Amino acid sequence: MFSSDRNIETLHGLLADVKRYVELRVKYVQLDFVSKMTVLAAAFILGAILFMLLMIVILFLSYACARAMAPALGGMPAACAVVALFYAVVALLVYACRKKLIINPVANFLGQLFLTHRKKEK
């Protein structure tokens, strides 16, 4: 009789430990997900801000280049057309190299963020 009571207590303790372990694992997964989504959101926001600032810089540099080329090309319309042609060529080059320049780096970043395990801290 004493033996079976002890076995039941041991089983209750074991079940309580398993339940606590599962709760802790769920909490860990939630915290890990929030951590990774925070890194992803921060990278996206930083990229968006830098992209907007870069676009403003490019806009002003384009205007300055067009103003500088206008006398040599016979006016602002021709200078603006040269600047537009330059950007069309750049756009075609970016499109041709999109996998190397855009897709692979984004895939690598997301893969490292979501698929690699962090080293356990001691």
PDB file of N, CA and C in Angstrom:
ATOM      1  N   MET A   1       0.813  -1.182   0.000  1.00  0.00           N
ATOM      2  CA  MET A   1       0.000   0.000   0.000  1.00  0.00           C
ATOM      3  C   MET A   1       0.863   1.255   0.000  1.00  0.00           C
ATOM      4  N   PHE A   2       1.888   1.245   0.830  1.00  0.00           N
ATOM      5  CA  PHE A   2       2.778   2.391   0.926  1.00  0.00           C
ATOM      6  C   PHE A   2       3.467   2.651  -0.410  1.00  0.00           C
ATOM      7  N   SER A   3       3.811   1.585  -1.106  1.00  0.00           N
ATOM      8  CA  SER A   3       4.495   1.690  -2.382  1.00  0.00           C
ATOM      9  C   SER A   3       3.611   2.344  -3.438  1.00  0.00           C
ATOM     10  N   SER A   4       2.344   1.993  -3.521  1.00  0.00           N
ATOM     11  CA  SER A   4       1.465   2.565  -4.540  1.00  0.00           C
ATOM     12  C   SER A   4       1.172   4.032  -4.263  1.00  0.00           C
ATOM     13  N   ASP A   5       1.060   4.428  -2.975  1.00  0.00           N
ATOM     14  CA  ASP A   5       0.855   5.840  -2.651  1.00  0.00           C
ATOM     15  C   ASP A   5       2.058   6.671  -3.087  1.00  0.00           C
ATOM     16  N   ARG A   6       3.213   6.126  -2.896  1.00  0.00           N
ATOM     17  CA  ARG A   6       4.438   6.829  -3.292  1.00  0.00           C
ATOM     18  C   ARG A   6       4.521   6.941  -4.819  1.00  0.00           C
ATOM     19  N   ASN A   7       4.119   5.898  -5.529  1.00  0.00           N
ATOM     20  CA  ASN A   7       4.113   5.932  -6.987  1.00  0.00           C
ATOM     21  C   ASN A   7       3.141   6.986  -7.514  1.00  0.00           C
ATOM     22  N   ILE A   8       1.977   7.077  -6.898  1.00  0.00           N
ATOM     23  CA  ILE A   8       0.986   8.082  -7.314  1.00  0.00           C
ATOM     24  C   ILE A   8       1.526   9.481  -7.072  1.00  0.00           C
ATOM     25  N   GLU A   9       2.163   9.700  -5.936  1.00  0.00           N
ATOM     26  CA  GLU A   9       2.758  11.009  -5.650  1.00  0.00           C
ATOM     27  C   GLU A   9       3.860  11.334  -6.653  1.00  0.00           C
ATOM     28  N   THR A  10       4.644  10.336  -6.997  1.00  0.00           N
ATOM     29  CA  THR A  10       5.714  10.531  -7.976  1.00  0.00           C
ATOM     30  C   THR A  10       5.136  10.882  -9.341  1.00  0.00           C
ATOM     31  N   LEU A  11       4.078  10.187  -9.729  1.00  0.00           N
ATOM     32  CA  LEU A  11       3.423  10.493 -11.006  1.00  0.00           C
ATOM     33  C   LEU A  11       2.828  11.898 -11.012  1.00  0.00           C
ATOM     34  N   HIS A  12       2.191  12.298  -9.908  1.00  0.00           N
ATOM     35  CA  HIS A  12       1.650  13.660  -9.823  1.00  0.00           C
ATOM     36  C   HIS A  12       2.767  14.694  -9.940  1.00  0.00           C
ATOM     37  N   GLY A  13       3.860  14.439  -9.278  1.00  0.00           N
ATOM     38  CA  GLY A  13       5.006  15.353  -9.372  1.00  0.00           C
ATOM     39  C   GLY A  13       5.570  15.412 -10.784  1.00  0.00           C
ATOM     40  N   LEU A  14       5.655  14.245 -11.417  1.00  0.00           N
ATOM     41  CA  LEU A  14       6.157  14.176 -12.792  1.00  0.00           C
ATOM     42  C   LEU A  14       5.224  14.919 -13.746  1.00  0.00           C
ATOM     43  N   LEU A  15       3.933  14.725 -13.611  1.00  0.00           N
ATOM     44  CA  LEU A  15       2.974  15.434 -14.464  1.00  0.00           C
ATOM     45  C   LEU A  15       3.030  16.942 -14.236  1.00  0.00           C
ATOM     46  N   ALA A  16       3.202  17.356 -12.995  1.00  0.00           N
ATOM     47  CA  ALA A  16       3.322  18.778 -12.699  1.00  0.00           C
ATOM     48  C   ALA A  16       4.584  19.352 -13.339  1.00  0.00           C
ATOM     49  N   ASP A  17       5.670  18.594 -13.284  1.00  0.00           N
ATOM     50  CA  ASP A  17       6.922  19.046 -13.907  1.00  0.00           C
ATOM     51  C   ASP A  17       6.789  19.128 -15.423  1.00  0.00           C
ATOM     52  N   VAL A  18       6.123  18.155 -16.030  1.00  0.00           N
ATOM     53  CA  VAL A  18       5.931  18.166 -17.485  1.00  0.00           C
ATOM     54  C   VAL A  18       5.061  19.354 -17.882  1.00  0.00           C
ATOM     55  N   LYS A  19       4.005  19.595 -17.119  1.00  0.00           N
ATOM     56  CA  LYS A  19       3.126  20.740 -17.398  1.00  0.00           C
ATOM     57  C   LYS A  19       3.906  22.051 -17.301  1.00  0.00           C
ATOM     58  N   ARG A  20       4.713  22.191 -16.294  1.00  0.00           N
ATOM     59  CA  ARG A  20       5.524  23.411 -16.111  1.00  0.00           C
ATOM     60  C   ARG A  20       6.524  23.553 -17.255  1.00  0.00           C
ATOM     61  N   TYR A  21       7.128  22.435 -17.684  1.00  0.00           N
ATOM     62  CA  TYR A  21       8.088  22.458 -18.790  1.00  0.00           C
ATOM     63  C   TYR A  21       7.406  22.926 -20.075  1.00  0.00           C
ATOM     64  N   VAL A  22       6.221  22.403 -20.359  1.00  0.00           N
ATOM     65  CA  VAL A  22       5.496  22.803 -21.566  1.00  0.00           C
ATOM     66  C   VAL A  22       5.135  24.285 -21.501  1.00  0.00           C
ATOM     67  N   GLU A  23       4.692  24.752 -20.351  1.00  0.00           N
ATOM     68  CA  GLU A  23       4.368  26.176 -20.195  1.00  0.00           C
ATOM     69  C   GLU A  23       5.599  27.047 -20.442  1.00  0.00           C
ATOM     70  N   LEU A  24       6.734  26.627 -19.910  1.00  0.00           N
ATOM     71  CA  LEU A  24       7.964  27.393 -20.101  1.00  0.00           C
ATOM     72  C   LEU A  24       8.412  27.388 -21.559  1.00  0.00           C
ATOM     73  N   ARG A  25       8.259  26.262 -22.246  1.00  0.00           N
ATOM     74  CA  ARG A  25       8.628  26.184 -23.672  1.00  0.00           C
ATOM     75  C   ARG A  25       7.734  27.095 -24.510  1.00  0.00           C
ATOM     76  N   VAL A  26       6.438  27.128 -24.210  1.00  0.00           N
ATOM     77  CA  VAL A  26       5.520  28.009 -24.931  1.00  0.00           C
ATOM     78  C   VAL A  26       5.914  29.458 -24.685  1.00  0.00           C
ATOM     79  N   LYS A  27       6.223  29.797 -23.461  1.00  0.00           N
ATOM     80  CA  LYS A  27       6.648  31.162 -23.130  1.00  0.00           C
ATOM     81  C   LYS A  27       7.941  31.517 -23.865  1.00  0.00           C
ATOM     82  N   TYR A  28       8.880  30.575 -23.941  1.00  0.00           N
ATOM     83  CA  TYR A  28      10.134  30.802 -24.650  1.00  0.00           C
ATOM     84  C   TYR A  28       9.890  31.056 -26.133  1.00  0.00           C
ATOM     85  N   VAL A  29       9.020  30.252 -26.740  1.00  0.00           N
ATOM     86  CA  VAL A  29       8.714  30.430 -28.162  1.00  0.00           C
ATOM     87  C   VAL A  29       8.074  31.793 -28.397  1.00  0.00           C
ATOM     88  N   GLN A  30       7.175  32.204 -27.512  1.00  0.00           N
ATOM     89  CA  GLN A  30       6.546  33.522 -27.646  1.00  0.00           C
ATOM     90  C   GLN A  30       7.581  34.635 -27.539  1.00  0.00           C
ATOM     91  N   LEU A  31       8.455  34.551 -26.570  1.00  0.00           N
ATOM     92  CA  LEU A  31       9.476  35.585 -26.390  1.00  0.00           C
ATOM     93  C   LEU A  31      10.457  35.604 -27.557  1.00  0.00           C
ATOM     94  N   ASP A  32      10.826  34.441 -28.052  1.00  0.00           N
ATOM     95  CA  ASP A  32      11.724  34.362 -29.190  1.00  0.00           C
ATOM     96  C   ASP A  32      11.076  34.980 -30.432  1.00  0.00           C
ATOM     97  N   PHE A  33       9.796  34.687 -30.636  1.00  0.00           N
ATOM     98  CA  PHE A  33       9.068  35.257 -31.778  1.00  0.00           C
ATOM     99  C   PHE A  33       8.994  36.779 -31.677  1.00  0.00           C
ATOM    100  N   VAL A  34       8.673  37.290 -30.503  1.00  0.00           N
ATOM    101  CA  VAL A  34       8.597  38.740 -30.317  1.00  0.00           C
ATOM    102  C   VAL A  34       9.959  39.377 -30.550  1.00  0.00           C
ATOM    103  N   SER A  35      11.004  38.742 -30.067  1.00  0.00           N
ATOM    104  CA  SER A  35      12.348  39.265 -30.258  1.00  0.00           C
ATOM    105  C   SER A  35      12.704  39.339 -31.737  1.00  0.00           C
ATOM    106  N   LYS A  36      12.410  38.280 -32.479  1.00  0.00           N
ATOM    107  CA  LYS A  36      12.739  38.255 -33.901  1.00  0.00           C
ATOM    108  C   LYS A  36      11.874  39.222 -34.688  1.00  0.00           C
ATOM    109  N   MET A  37      10.627  39.363 -34.334  1.00  0.00           N
ATOM    110  CA  MET A  37       9.762  40.318 -35.030  1.00  0.00           C
ATOM    111  C   MET A  37      10.199  41.757 -34.737  1.00  0.00           C
ATOM    112  N   THR A  38      10.720  42.004 -33.547  1.00  0.00           N
ATOM    113  CA  THR A  38      11.236  43.330 -33.221  1.00  0.00           C
ATOM    114  C   THR A  38      12.437  43.662 -34.088  1.00  0.00           C
ATOM    115  N   VAL A  39      13.335  42.712 -34.260  1.00  0.00           N
ATOM    116  CA  VAL A  39      14.498  42.929 -35.126  1.00  0.00           C
ATOM    117  C   VAL A  39      14.048  43.169 -36.563  1.00  0.00           C
ATOM    118  N   LEU A  40      13.079  42.398 -37.028  1.00  0.00           N
ATOM    119  CA  LEU A  40      12.573  42.544 -38.387  1.00  0.00           C
ATOM    120  C   LEU A  40      11.896  43.895 -38.582  1.00  0.00           C
ATOM    121  N   ALA A  41      11.067  44.305 -37.637  1.00  0.00           N
ATOM    122  CA  ALA A  41      10.387  45.596 -37.739  1.00  0.00           C
ATOM    123  C   ALA A  41      11.383  46.747 -37.687  1.00  0.00           C
ATOM    124  N   ALA A  42      12.377  46.642 -36.820  1.00  0.00           N
ATOM    125  CA  ALA A  42      13.389  47.699 -36.722  1.00  0.00           C
ATOM    126  C   ALA A  42      14.179  47.813 -38.021  1.00  0.00           C
ATOM    127  N   ALA A  43      14.523  46.677 -38.610  1.00  0.00           N
ATOM    128  CA  ALA A  43      15.248  46.704 -39.881  1.00  0.00           C
ATOM    129  C   ALA A  43      14.390  47.304 -40.984  1.00  0.00           C
ATOM    130  N   PHE A  44      13.109  46.971 -41.004  1.00  0.00           N
ATOM    131  CA  PHE A  44      12.204  47.516 -42.010  1.00  0.00           C
ATOM    132  C   PHE A  44      12.041  49.025 -41.853  1.00  0.00           C
ATOM    133  N   ILE A  45      11.844  49.491 -40.629  1.00  0.00           N
ATOM    134  CA  ILE A  45      11.666  50.926 -40.388  1.00  0.00           C
ATOM    135  C   ILE A  45      12.946  51.682 -40.716  1.00  0.00           C
ATOM    136  N   LEU A  46      14.087  51.160 -40.303  1.00  0.00           N
ATOM    137  CA  LEU A  46      15.358  51.800 -40.618  1.00  0.00           C
ATOM    138  C   LEU A  46      15.570  51.857 -42.127  1.00  0.00           C
ATOM    139  N   GLY A  47      15.282  50.761 -42.807  1.00  0.00           N
ATOM    140  CA  GLY A  47      15.407  50.736 -44.264  1.00  0.00           C
ATOM    141  C   GLY A  47      14.494  51.749 -44.933  1.00  0.00           C
ATOM    142  N   ALA A  48      13.273  51.867 -44.456  1.00  0.00           N
ATOM    143  CA  ALA A  48      12.332  52.827 -45.036  1.00  0.00           C
ATOM    144  C   ALA A  48      12.804  54.263 -44.831  1.00  0.00           C
ATOM    145  N   ILE A  49      13.291  54.569 -43.642  1.00  0.00           N
ATOM    146  CA  ILE A  49      13.782  55.928 -43.366  1.00  0.00           C
ATOM    147  C   ILE A  49      15.003  56.241 -44.226  1.00  0.00           C
ATOM    148  N   LEU A  50      15.951  55.307 -44.278  1.00  0.00           N
ATOM    149  CA  LEU A  50      17.141  55.533 -45.102  1.00  0.00           C
ATOM    150  C   LEU A  50      16.781  55.641 -46.581  1.00  0.00           C
ATOM    151  N   PHE A  51      15.816  54.857 -47.037  1.00  0.00           N
ATOM    152  CA  PHE A  51      15.376  54.917 -48.421  1.00  0.00           C
ATOM    153  C   PHE A  51      14.789  56.297 -48.743  1.00  0.00           C
ATOM    154  N   MET A  52      13.941  56.815 -47.868  1.00  0.00           N
ATOM    155  CA  MET A  52      13.348  58.140 -48.112  1.00  0.00           C
ATOM    156  C   MET A  52      14.408  59.232 -48.131  1.00  0.00           C
ATOM    157  N   LEU A  53      15.336  59.173 -47.182  1.00  0.00           N
ATOM    158  CA  LEU A  53      16.396  60.182 -47.156  1.00  0.00           C
ATOM    159  C   LEU A  53      17.281  60.088 -48.393  1.00  0.00           C
ATOM    160  N   LEU A  54      17.580  58.883 -48.821  1.00  0.00           N
ATOM    161  CA  LEU A  54      18.382  58.699 -50.022  1.00  0.00           C
ATOM    162  C   LEU A  54      17.652  59.223 -51.258  1.00  0.00           C
ATOM    163  N   MET A  55      16.353  59.026 -51.316  1.00  0.00           N
ATOM    164  CA  MET A  55      15.574  59.534 -52.447  1.00  0.00           C
ATOM    165  C   MET A  55      15.597  61.065 -52.498  1.00  0.00           C
ATOM    166  N   ILE A  56      15.548  61.691 -51.336  1.00  0.00           N
ATOM    167  CA  ILE A  56      15.627  63.156 -51.293  1.00  0.00           C
ATOM    168  C   ILE A  56      16.991  63.623 -51.786  1.00  0.00           C
ATOM    169  N   VAL A  57      18.055  62.966 -51.338  1.00  0.00           N
ATOM    170  CA  VAL A  57      19.408  63.320 -51.774  1.00  0.00           C
ATOM    171  C   VAL A  57      19.541  63.132 -53.282  1.00  0.00           C
ATOM    172  N   ILE A  58      19.043  62.019 -53.791  1.00  0.00           N
ATOM    173  CA  ILE A  58      19.126  61.753 -55.231  1.00  0.00           C
ATOM    174  C   ILE A  58      18.330  62.783 -56.022  1.00  0.00           C
ATOM    175  N   LEU A  59      17.178  63.183 -55.497  1.00  0.00           N
ATOM    176  CA  LEU A  59      16.372  64.199 -56.173  1.00  0.00           C
ATOM    177  C   LEU A  59      17.146  65.506 -56.321  1.00  0.00           C
ATOM    178  N   PHE A  60      17.757  65.959 -55.238  1.00  0.00           N
ATOM    179  CA  PHE A  60      18.505  67.211 -55.308  1.00  0.00           C
ATOM    180  C   PHE A  60      19.761  67.089 -56.170  1.00  0.00           C
ATOM    181  N   LEU A  61      20.447  65.950 -56.082  1.00  0.00           N
ATOM    182  CA  LEU A  61      21.615  65.757 -56.941  1.00  0.00           C
ATOM    183  C   LEU A  61      21.218  65.698 -58.417  1.00  0.00           C
ATOM    184  N   SER A  62      20.091  65.093 -58.705  1.00  0.00           N
ATOM    185  CA  SER A  62      19.614  65.038 -60.085  1.00  0.00           C
ATOM    186  C   SER A  62      19.307  66.440 -60.599  1.00  0.00           C
ATOM    187  N   TYR A  63      18.667  67.224 -59.774  1.00  0.00           N
ATOM    188  CA  TYR A  63      18.358  68.598 -60.171  1.00  0.00           C
ATOM    189  C   TYR A  63      19.645  69.394 -60.397  1.00  0.00           C
ATOM    190  N   ALA A  64      20.618  69.203 -59.508  1.00  0.00           N
ATOM    191  CA  ALA A  64      21.887  69.921 -59.662  1.00  0.00           C
ATOM    192  C   ALA A  64      22.606  69.486 -60.937  1.00  0.00           C
ATOM    193  N   CYS A  65      22.585  68.190 -61.245  1.00  0.00           N
ATOM    194  CA  CYS A  65      23.219  67.705 -62.479  1.00  0.00           C
ATOM    195  C   CYS A  65      22.511  68.257 -63.707  1.00  0.00           C
ATOM    196  N   ALA A  66      21.196  68.287 -63.673  1.00  0.00           N
ATOM    197  CA  ALA A  66      20.444  68.820 -64.811  1.00  0.00           C
ATOM    198  C   ALA A  66      20.739  70.298 -64.998  1.00  0.00           C
ATOM    199  N   ARG A  67      20.795  71.050 -63.907  1.00  0.00           N
ATOM    200  CA  ARG A  67      21.116  72.486 -64.006  1.00  0.00           C
ATOM    201  C   ARG A  67      22.524  72.699 -64.551  1.00  0.00           C
ATOM    202  N   ALA A  68      23.451  71.827 -64.137  1.00  0.00           N
ATOM    203  CA  ALA A  68      24.831  71.970 -64.601  1.00  0.00           C
ATOM    204  C   ALA A  68      24.970  71.593 -66.079  1.00  0.00           C
ATOM    205  N   MET A  69      24.201  70.619 -66.553  1.00  0.00           N
ATOM    206  CA  MET A  69      24.298  70.183 -67.945  1.00  0.00           C
ATOM    207  C   MET A  69      23.464  71.044 -68.900  1.00  0.00           C
ATOM    208  N   ALA A  70      22.544  71.822 -68.385  1.00  0.00           N
ATOM    209  CA  ALA A  70      21.621  72.586 -69.230  1.00  0.00           C
ATOM    210  C   ALA A  70      22.328  73.493 -70.238  1.00  0.00           C
ATOM    211  N   PRO A  71      23.332  74.262 -69.834  1.00  0.00           N
ATOM    212  CA  PRO A  71      23.977  75.125 -70.829  1.00  0.00           C
ATOM    213  C   PRO A  71      24.676  74.345 -71.949  1.00  0.00           C
ATOM    214  N   ALA A  72      25.251  73.203 -71.606  1.00  0.00           N
ATOM    215  CA  ALA A  72      25.981  72.425 -72.604  1.00  0.00           C
ATOM    216  C   ALA A  72      25.048  71.675 -73.555  1.00  0.00           C
ATOM    217  N   LEU A  73      23.858  71.332 -73.078  1.00  0.00           N
ATOM    218  CA  LEU A  73      22.928  70.552 -73.895  1.00  0.00           C
ATOM    219  C   LEU A  73      21.847  71.403 -74.566  1.00  0.00           C
ATOM    220  N   GLY A  74      21.844  72.670 -74.325  1.00  0.00           N
ATOM    221  CA  GLY A  74      20.887  73.546 -75.002  1.00  0.00           C
ATOM    222  C   GLY A  74      19.606  73.798 -74.230  1.00  0.00           C
ATOM    223  N   GLY A  75      19.575  73.537 -72.964  1.00  0.00           N
ATOM    224  CA  GLY A  75      18.386  73.849 -72.155  1.00  0.00           C
ATOM    225  C   GLY A  75      18.072  72.765 -71.141  1.00  0.00           C
ATOM    226  N   MET A  76      17.156  73.129 -70.248  1.00  0.00           N
ATOM    227  CA  MET A  76      16.751  72.210 -69.176  1.00  0.00           C
ATOM    228  C   MET A  76      16.026  70.970 -69.685  1.00  0.00           C
ATOM    229  N   PRO A  77      15.168  71.059 -70.708  1.00  0.00           N
ATOM    230  CA  PRO A  77      14.501  69.826 -71.147  1.00  0.00           C
ATOM    231  C   PRO A  77      15.482  68.732 -71.588  1.00  0.00           C
ATOM    232  N   ALA A  78      16.497  69.095 -72.320  1.00  0.00           N
ATOM    233  CA  ALA A  78      17.482  68.111 -72.771  1.00  0.00           C
ATOM    234  C   ALA A  78      18.278  67.565 -71.587  1.00  0.00           C
ATOM    235  N   ALA A  79      18.630  68.411 -70.650  1.00  0.00           N
ATOM    236  CA  ALA A  79      19.381  67.977 -69.475  1.00  0.00           C
ATOM    237  C   ALA A  79      18.534  67.034 -68.619  1.00  0.00           C
ATOM    238  N   CYS A  80      17.261  67.357 -68.456  1.00  0.00           N
ATOM    239  CA  CYS A  80      16.367  66.473 -67.688  1.00  0.00           C
ATOM    240  C   CYS A  80      16.185  65.135 -68.403  1.00  0.00           C
ATOM    241  N   ALA A  81      16.151  65.147 -69.721  1.00  0.00           N
ATOM    242  CA  ALA A  81      16.031  63.903 -70.485  1.00  0.00           C
ATOM    243  C   ALA A  81      17.266  63.032 -70.294  1.00  0.00           C
ATOM    244  N   VAL A  82      18.455  63.628 -70.249  1.00  0.00           N
ATOM    245  CA  VAL A  82      19.687  62.863 -70.022  1.00  0.00           C
ATOM    246  C   VAL A  82      19.675  62.248 -68.628  1.00  0.00           C
ATOM    247  N   VAL A  83      19.242  63.020 -67.639  1.00  0.00           N
ATOM    248  CA  VAL A  83      19.168  62.498 -66.269  1.00  0.00           C
ATOM    249  C   VAL A  83      18.144  61.359 -66.209  1.00  0.00           C
ATOM    250  N   ALA A  84      17.005  61.527 -66.863  1.00  0.00           N
ATOM    251  CA  ALA A  84      15.988  60.476 -66.886  1.00  0.00           C
ATOM    252  C   ALA A  84      16.505  59.226 -67.589  1.00  0.00           C
ATOM    253  N   LEU A  85      17.233  59.392 -68.654  1.00  0.00           N
ATOM    254  CA  LEU A  85      17.818  58.250 -69.358  1.00  0.00           C
ATOM    255  C   LEU A  85      18.810  57.519 -68.468  1.00  0.00           C
ATOM    256  N   PHE A  86      19.603  58.274 -67.733  1.00  0.00           N
ATOM    257  CA  PHE A  86      20.547  57.671 -66.794  1.00  0.00           C
ATOM    258  C   PHE A  86      19.812  56.802 -65.773  1.00  0.00           C
ATOM    259  N   TYR A  87      18.725  57.314 -65.209  1.00  0.00           N
ATOM    260  CA  TYR A  87      17.966  56.543 -64.221  1.00  0.00           C
ATOM    261  C   TYR A  87      17.274  55.341 -64.849  1.00  0.00           C
ATOM    262  N   ALA A  88      16.871  55.442 -66.096  1.00  0.00           N
ATOM    263  CA  ALA A  88      16.275  54.293 -66.785  1.00  0.00           C
ATOM    264  C   ALA A  88      17.306  53.185 -66.947  1.00  0.00           C
ATOM    265  N   VAL A  89      18.537  53.546 -67.290  1.00  0.00           N
ATOM    266  CA  VAL A  89      19.606  52.549 -67.417  1.00  0.00           C
ATOM    267  C   VAL A  89      19.912  51.915 -66.061  1.00  0.00           C
ATOM    268  N   VAL A  90      19.968  52.732 -65.014  1.00  0.00           N
ATOM    269  CA  VAL A  90      20.210  52.199 -63.666  1.00  0.00           C
ATOM    270  C   VAL A  90      19.081  51.252 -63.260  1.00  0.00           C
ATOM    271  N   ALA A  91      17.843  51.616 -63.573  1.00  0.00           N
ATOM    272  CA  ALA A  91      16.701  50.757 -63.238  1.00  0.00           C
ATOM    273  C   ALA A  91      16.789  49.423 -63.974  1.00  0.00           C
ATOM    274  N   LEU A  92      17.182  49.449 -65.228  1.00  0.00           N
ATOM    275  CA  LEU A  92      17.339  48.200 -65.979  1.00  0.00           C
ATOM    276  C   LEU A  92      18.449  47.326 -65.395  1.00  0.00           C
ATOM    277  N   LEU A  93      19.547  47.953 -64.980  1.00  0.00           N
ATOM    278  CA  LEU A  93      20.633  47.187 -64.361  1.00  0.00           C
ATOM    279  C   LEU A  93      20.196  46.567 -63.034  1.00  0.00           C
ATOM    280  N   VAL A  94      19.471  47.322 -62.229  1.00  0.00           N
ATOM    281  CA  VAL A  94      18.979  46.791 -60.955  1.00  0.00           C
ATOM    282  C   VAL A  94      18.005  45.644 -61.211  1.00  0.00           C
ATOM    283  N   TYR A  95      17.135  45.803 -62.207  1.00  0.00           N
ATOM    284  CA  TYR A  95      16.193  44.730 -62.536  1.00  0.00           C
ATOM    285  C   TYR A  95      16.933  43.482 -63.017  1.00  0.00           C
ATOM    286  N   ALA A  96      17.961  43.676 -63.814  1.00  0.00           N
ATOM    287  CA  ALA A  96      18.722  42.525 -64.320  1.00  0.00           C
ATOM    288  C   ALA A  96      19.462  41.800 -63.196  1.00  0.00           C
ATOM    289  N   CYS A  97      19.885  42.528 -62.190  1.00  0.00           N
ATOM    290  CA  CYS A  97      20.640  41.943 -61.078  1.00  0.00           C
ATOM    291  C   CYS A  97      19.801  41.825 -59.810  1.00  0.00           C
ATOM    292  N   ARG A  98      18.477  41.782 -59.934  1.00  0.00           N
ATOM    293  CA  ARG A  98      17.592  41.809 -58.768  1.00  0.00           C
ATOM    294  C   ARG A  98      17.814  40.634 -57.828  1.00  0.00           C
ATOM    295  N   LYS A  99      18.112  39.471 -58.375  1.00  0.00           N
ATOM    296  CA  LYS A  99      18.308  38.307 -57.510  1.00  0.00           C
ATOM    297  C   LYS A  99      19.549  38.482 -56.640  1.00  0.00           C
ATOM    298  N   LYS A 100      20.620  38.941 -57.259  1.00  0.00           N
ATOM    299  CA  LYS A 100      21.884  39.122 -56.543  1.00  0.00           C
ATOM    300  C   LYS A 100      21.823  40.310 -55.583  1.00  0.00           C
ATOM    301  N   LEU A 101      21.145  41.392 -55.994  1.00  0.00           N
ATOM    302  CA  LEU A 101      21.140  42.622 -55.201  1.00  0.00           C
ATOM    303  C   LEU A 101      20.031  42.682 -54.156  1.00  0.00           C
ATOM    304  N   ILE A 102      18.898  42.046 -54.415  1.00  0.00           N
ATOM    305  CA  ILE A 102      17.745  42.211 -53.524  1.00  0.00           C
ATOM    306  C   ILE A 102      17.278  40.890 -52.928  1.00  0.00           C
ATOM    307  N   ILE A 103      16.981  39.924 -53.773  1.00  0.00           N
ATOM    308  CA  ILE A 103      16.338  38.696 -53.297  1.00  0.00           C
ATOM    309  C   ILE A 103      17.250  37.892 -52.379  1.00  0.00           C
ATOM    310  N   ASN A 104      18.483  37.638 -52.786  1.00  0.00           N
ATOM    311  CA  ASN A 104      19.390  36.830 -51.964  1.00  0.00           C
ATOM    312  C   ASN A 104      19.711  37.486 -50.617  1.00  0.00           C
ATOM    313  N   PRO A 105      20.029  38.788 -50.555  1.00  0.00           N
ATOM    314  CA  PRO A 105      20.279  39.377 -49.239  1.00  0.00           C
ATOM    315  C   PRO A 105      19.067  39.341 -48.308  1.00  0.00           C
ATOM    316  N   VAL A 106      17.877  39.564 -48.848  1.00  0.00           N
ATOM    317  CA  VAL A 106      16.677  39.507 -48.011  1.00  0.00           C
ATOM    318  C   VAL A 106      16.442  38.077 -47.528  1.00  0.00           C
ATOM    319  N   ALA A 107      16.600  37.104 -48.411  1.00  0.00           N
ATOM    320  CA  ALA A 107      16.424  35.704 -48.018  1.00  0.00           C
ATOM    321  C   ALA A 107      17.457  35.292 -46.973  1.00  0.00           C
ATOM    322  N   ASN A 108      18.691  35.728 -47.131  1.00  0.00           N
ATOM    323  CA  ASN A 108      19.729  35.408 -46.141  1.00  0.00           C
ATOM    324  C   ASN A 108      19.418  36.042 -44.786  1.00  0.00           C
ATOM    325  N   PHE A 109      18.975  37.296 -44.800  1.00  0.00           N
ATOM    326  CA  PHE A 109      18.645  37.990 -43.548  1.00  0.00           C
ATOM    327  C   PHE A 109      17.510  37.273 -42.824  1.00  0.00           C
ATOM    328  N   LEU A 110      16.438  36.957 -43.557  1.00  0.00           N
ATOM    329  CA  LEU A 110      15.298  36.286 -42.932  1.00  0.00           C
ATOM    330  C   LEU A 110      15.664  34.876 -42.490  1.00  0.00           C
ATOM    331  N   GLY A 111      16.479  34.187 -43.279  1.00  0.00           N
ATOM    332  CA  GLY A 111      16.924  32.847 -42.891  1.00  0.00           C
ATOM    333  C   GLY A 111      17.742  32.861 -41.617  1.00  0.00           C
ATOM    334  N   GLN A 112      18.666  33.807 -41.527  1.00  0.00           N
ATOM    335  CA  GLN A 112      19.473  33.905 -40.315  1.00  0.00           C
ATOM    336  C   GLN A 112      18.628  34.320 -39.124  1.00  0.00           C
ATOM    337  N   LEU A 113      17.639  35.164 -39.364  1.00  0.00           N
ATOM    338  CA  LEU A 113      16.817  35.644 -38.267  1.00  0.00           C
ATOM    339  C   LEU A 113      15.894  34.551 -37.740  1.00  0.00           C
ATOM    340  N   PHE A 114      15.238  33.824 -38.630  1.00  0.00           N
ATOM    341  CA  PHE A 114      14.215  32.884 -38.191  1.00  0.00           C
ATOM    342  C   PHE A 114      14.671  31.426 -38.119  1.00  0.00           C
ATOM    343  N   LEU A 115      15.686  31.045 -38.842  1.00  0.00           N
ATOM    344  CA  LEU A 115      16.039  29.630 -38.901  1.00  0.00           C
ATOM    345  C   LEU A 115      17.233  29.229 -38.061  1.00  0.00           C
ATOM    346  N   THR A 116      18.059  30.154 -37.644  1.00  0.00           N
ATOM    347  CA  THR A 116      19.209  29.794 -36.821  1.00  0.00           C
ATOM    348  C   THR A 116      18.850  29.937 -35.348  1.00  0.00           C
ATOM    349  N   HIS A 117      19.399  29.061 -34.556  1.00  0.00           N
ATOM    350  CA  HIS A 117      19.161  29.100 -33.121  1.00  0.00           C
ATOM    351  C   HIS A 117      20.244  29.933 -32.460  1.00  0.00           C
ATOM    352  N   ARG A 118      19.802  30.707 -31.492  1.00  0.00           N
ATOM    353  CA  ARG A 118      20.777  31.483 -30.735  1.00  0.00           C
ATOM    354  C   ARG A 118      21.559  30.558 -29.818  1.00  0.00           C
ATOM    355  N   LYS A 119      22.827  30.909 -29.620  1.00  0.00           N
ATOM    356  CA  LYS A 119      23.639  30.127 -28.687  1.00  0.00           C
ATOM    357  C   LYS A 119      23.108  30.378 -27.280  1.00  0.00           C
ATOM    358  N   LYS A 120      23.006  29.301 -26.542  1.00  0.00           N
ATOM    359  CA  LYS A 120      22.496  29.424 -25.184  1.00  0.00           C
ATOM    360  C   LYS A 120      23.523  30.134 -24.326  1.00  0.00           C
ATOM    361  N   GLU A 121      23.015  31.136 -23.588  1.00  0.00           N
ATOM    362  CA  GLU A 121      23.898  31.894 -22.700  1.00  0.00           C
ATOM    363  C   GLU A 121      24.131  31.087 -21.438  1.00  0.00           C
ATOM    364  N   LYS A 122      25.365  31.134 -20.984  1.00  0.00           N
ATOM    365  CA  LYS A 122      25.718  30.365 -19.776  1.00  0.00           C
ATOM    366  C   LYS A 122      25.582  31.221 -18.547  1.00  0.00           C
TER     367      LYS A 122
END
